[in-house]
Amino acid sequence: MSCFGDGRVFVFGKVKGYPFEVKLPVGLPVEGVILADQIKNLDWLSQSAQLVYKVPEIIMQEVLLKVETLLKD
């Protein structure tokens, strides 16, 4: 997963129940989870990534809360 300041994330289709998964709500154009502990800086062009859908703000907030948990001392 990549998470950038503008809210772009990679979504993974396989749900495993992992504590840092943030599941996307039903009814979005994409299904799956965001792995909040897998933040990476990737070159979107070299990954052939495409913007499919803007993640709802409430989902992004949940991802960022989980990231914050990882970064606390």
N, C-alpha and C. Protein backbone atom coordinates (compact mmCIF):
# COMPACT_ATOMS: atom_id res chain seq x y z
N MET A 1 0.84 -1.17 0.00
CA MET A 1 0.00 0.00 0.00
C MET A 1 0.87 1.22 0.00
N SER A 2 0.46 2.22 -0.66
CA SER A 2 1.11 3.51 -0.54
C SER A 2 0.09 4.52 -0.10
N CYS A 3 0.49 5.38 0.78
CA CYS A 3 -0.39 6.43 1.28
C CYS A 3 0.36 7.74 1.15
N PHE A 4 -0.17 8.68 0.42
CA PHE A 4 0.48 9.94 0.19
C PHE A 4 -0.36 11.06 0.77
N GLY A 5 0.20 12.24 0.85
CA GLY A 5 -0.51 13.38 1.42
C GLY A 5 -1.83 13.68 0.75
N ASP A 6 -1.97 13.29 -0.50
CA ASP A 6 -3.22 13.56 -1.20
C ASP A 6 -4.21 12.41 -1.07
N GLY A 7 -3.88 11.41 -0.27
CA GLY A 7 -4.84 10.35 0.02
C GLY A 7 -4.84 9.18 -0.93
N ARG A 8 -3.82 9.02 -1.77
CA ARG A 8 -3.78 7.86 -2.66
C ARG A 8 -3.29 6.65 -1.90
N VAL A 9 -3.93 5.54 -2.09
CA VAL A 9 -3.54 4.30 -1.41
C VAL A 9 -3.67 3.13 -2.38
N PHE A 10 -2.88 2.10 -2.14
CA PHE A 10 -3.07 0.84 -2.85
C PHE A 10 -4.07 0.02 -2.06
N VAL A 11 -4.97 -0.64 -2.78
CA VAL A 11 -5.98 -1.49 -2.15
C VAL A 11 -5.66 -2.94 -2.50
N PHE A 12 -5.70 -3.80 -1.48
CA PHE A 12 -5.44 -5.21 -1.67
C PHE A 12 -6.76 -5.97 -1.58
N GLY A 13 -6.96 -6.93 -2.46
CA GLY A 13 -8.23 -7.63 -2.54
C GLY A 13 -8.44 -8.72 -1.50
N LYS A 14 -7.38 -9.23 -0.92
CA LYS A 14 -7.51 -10.35 0.01
C LYS A 14 -7.61 -9.84 1.45
N VAL A 15 -8.75 -10.10 2.09
CA VAL A 15 -8.98 -9.70 3.48
C VAL A 15 -8.54 -10.85 4.38
N LYS A 16 -7.63 -10.55 5.32
CA LYS A 16 -7.12 -11.60 6.21
C LYS A 16 -7.47 -11.35 7.67
N GLY A 17 -8.07 -10.21 7.98
CA GLY A 17 -8.40 -9.91 9.37
C GLY A 17 -7.21 -9.37 10.16
N TYR A 18 -6.20 -8.91 9.47
CA TYR A 18 -4.99 -8.37 10.08
C TYR A 18 -5.32 -7.07 10.81
N PRO A 19 -4.71 -6.80 11.99
CA PRO A 19 -5.08 -5.63 12.80
C PRO A 19 -4.92 -4.28 12.10
N PHE A 20 -4.02 -4.19 11.13
CA PHE A 20 -3.81 -2.91 10.47
C PHE A 20 -4.53 -2.81 9.12
N GLU A 21 -5.42 -3.74 8.85
CA GLU A 21 -6.27 -3.63 7.66
C GLU A 21 -7.37 -2.60 7.92
N VAL A 22 -7.66 -1.84 6.90
CA VAL A 22 -8.82 -0.95 6.93
C VAL A 22 -9.68 -1.38 5.74
N LYS A 23 -10.81 -1.99 6.06
CA LYS A 23 -11.68 -2.52 5.01
C LYS A 23 -12.47 -1.40 4.35
N LEU A 24 -12.54 -1.47 3.03
CA LEU A 24 -13.34 -0.50 2.30
C LEU A 24 -14.81 -0.89 2.42
N PRO A 25 -15.70 0.11 2.53
CA PRO A 25 -17.12 -0.20 2.65
C PRO A 25 -17.69 -0.80 1.37
N VAL A 26 -18.73 -1.57 1.52
CA VAL A 26 -19.44 -2.18 0.39
C VAL A 26 -20.03 -1.07 -0.47
N GLY A 27 -20.03 -1.28 -1.77
CA GLY A 27 -20.66 -0.34 -2.68
C GLY A 27 -19.69 0.58 -3.40
N LEU A 28 -18.40 0.52 -3.05
CA LEU A 28 -17.41 1.33 -3.76
C LEU A 28 -17.01 0.63 -5.05
N PRO A 29 -16.43 1.34 -6.00
CA PRO A 29 -16.01 0.71 -7.25
C PRO A 29 -14.90 -0.33 -7.08
N VAL A 30 -14.22 -0.31 -5.94
CA VAL A 30 -13.18 -1.30 -5.65
C VAL A 30 -13.50 -1.98 -4.33
N GLU A 31 -13.03 -3.22 -4.17
CA GLU A 31 -13.25 -3.98 -2.94
C GLU A 31 -11.89 -4.36 -2.37
N GLY A 32 -11.84 -4.51 -1.06
CA GLY A 32 -10.61 -4.97 -0.44
C GLY A 32 -10.26 -4.17 0.80
N VAL A 33 -8.96 -4.17 1.11
CA VAL A 33 -8.47 -3.50 2.31
C VAL A 33 -7.26 -2.65 1.98
N ILE A 34 -7.04 -1.66 2.83
CA ILE A 34 -5.82 -0.87 2.81
C ILE A 34 -4.99 -1.37 3.98
N LEU A 35 -3.72 -1.65 3.75
CA LEU A 35 -2.83 -2.10 4.82
C LEU A 35 -2.10 -0.88 5.37
N ALA A 36 -2.56 -0.40 6.51
CA ALA A 36 -2.04 0.85 7.08
C ALA A 36 -0.59 0.75 7.51
N ASP A 37 -0.09 -0.45 7.74
CA ASP A 37 1.30 -0.58 8.17
C ASP A 37 2.26 -0.87 7.02
N GLN A 38 1.78 -0.77 5.80
CA GLN A 38 2.61 -1.02 4.62
C GLN A 38 2.82 0.24 3.80
N ILE A 39 3.15 1.32 4.47
CA ILE A 39 3.35 2.59 3.77
C ILE A 39 4.70 2.56 3.06
N LYS A 40 4.67 2.90 1.81
CA LYS A 40 5.89 2.93 1.01
C LYS A 40 5.82 4.11 0.05
N ASN A 41 6.96 4.58 -0.33
CA ASN A 41 7.03 5.63 -1.34
C ASN A 41 7.34 4.96 -2.66
N LEU A 42 6.38 4.92 -3.55
CA LEU A 42 6.55 4.25 -4.83
C LEU A 42 6.39 5.24 -5.97
N ASP A 43 7.04 4.94 -7.06
CA ASP A 43 6.86 5.71 -8.28
C ASP A 43 5.61 5.17 -8.98
N TRP A 44 4.55 5.96 -8.96
CA TRP A 44 3.27 5.51 -9.50
C TRP A 44 3.36 5.15 -10.98
N LEU A 45 4.18 5.87 -11.73
CA LEU A 45 4.30 5.57 -13.16
C LEU A 45 4.96 4.22 -13.39
N SER A 46 6.03 3.93 -12.65
CA SER A 46 6.72 2.65 -12.85
C SER A 46 5.87 1.48 -12.38
N GLN A 47 4.92 1.72 -11.49
CA GLN A 47 4.03 0.67 -11.00
C GLN A 47 2.79 0.51 -11.88
N SER A 48 2.66 1.35 -12.90
CA SER A 48 1.49 1.36 -13.78
C SER A 48 0.20 1.49 -12.98
N ALA A 49 0.26 2.25 -11.89
CA ALA A 49 -0.91 2.45 -11.03
C ALA A 49 -1.88 3.42 -11.70
N GLN A 50 -3.15 3.20 -11.44
CA GLN A 50 -4.20 4.06 -11.97
C GLN A 50 -5.08 4.53 -10.82
N LEU A 51 -5.53 5.77 -10.91
CA LEU A 51 -6.49 6.26 -9.93
C LEU A 51 -7.85 5.69 -10.31
N VAL A 52 -8.42 4.90 -9.43
CA VAL A 52 -9.70 4.25 -9.69
C VAL A 52 -10.82 4.96 -8.96
N TYR A 53 -10.55 5.38 -7.73
CA TYR A 53 -11.60 5.96 -6.90
C TYR A 53 -10.95 6.75 -5.78
N LYS A 54 -11.56 7.84 -5.40
CA LYS A 54 -11.08 8.60 -4.25
C LYS A 54 -11.64 7.96 -2.98
N VAL A 55 -10.72 7.59 -2.08
CA VAL A 55 -11.11 6.93 -0.83
C VAL A 55 -11.90 7.92 0.02
N PRO A 56 -13.04 7.49 0.58
CA PRO A 56 -13.82 8.38 1.44
C PRO A 56 -12.97 8.90 2.62
N GLU A 57 -13.21 10.13 3.02
CA GLU A 57 -12.44 10.77 4.09
C GLU A 57 -12.44 9.95 5.38
N ILE A 58 -13.56 9.36 5.73
CA ILE A 58 -13.64 8.58 6.97
C ILE A 58 -12.71 7.37 6.93
N ILE A 59 -12.54 6.77 5.76
CA ILE A 59 -11.63 5.64 5.61
C ILE A 59 -10.19 6.12 5.75
N MET A 60 -9.88 7.25 5.11
CA MET A 60 -8.53 7.80 5.21
C MET A 60 -8.19 8.15 6.65
N GLN A 61 -9.16 8.65 7.39
CA GLN A 61 -8.93 8.98 8.81
C GLN A 61 -8.60 7.72 9.60
N GLU A 62 -9.29 6.62 9.31
CA GLU A 62 -9.02 5.36 10.01
C GLU A 62 -7.61 4.85 9.68
N VAL A 63 -7.21 4.97 8.42
CA VAL A 63 -5.86 4.57 8.02
C VAL A 63 -4.83 5.41 8.77
N LEU A 64 -5.03 6.72 8.81
CA LEU A 64 -4.07 7.60 9.46
C LEU A 64 -4.00 7.37 10.96
N LEU A 65 -5.11 7.02 11.60
CA LEU A 65 -5.09 6.69 13.03
C LEU A 65 -4.24 5.45 13.29
N LYS A 66 -4.35 4.47 12.41
CA LYS A 66 -3.55 3.25 12.57
C LYS A 66 -2.07 3.55 12.33
N VAL A 67 -1.78 4.40 11.35
CA VAL A 67 -0.39 4.80 11.10
C VAL A 67 0.16 5.55 12.32
N GLU A 68 -0.64 6.44 12.88
CA GLU A 68 -0.21 7.20 14.06
C GLU A 68 0.14 6.25 15.21
N THR A 69 -0.63 5.20 15.38
CA THR A 69 -0.36 4.20 16.41
C THR A 69 1.04 3.60 16.22
N LEU A 70 1.40 3.33 14.99
CA LEU A 70 2.71 2.75 14.70
C LEU A 70 3.86 3.72 14.98
N LEU A 71 3.60 5.01 14.82
CA LEU A 71 4.66 6.01 14.94
C LEU A 71 4.85 6.55 16.34
N LYS A 72 3.94 6.23 17.25
CA LYS A 72 4.06 6.71 18.62
C LYS A 72 5.22 6.02 19.32
N ASP A 73 5.84 6.75 20.24
CA ASP A 73 6.96 6.18 21.04
C ASP A 73 6.45 5.16 22.02
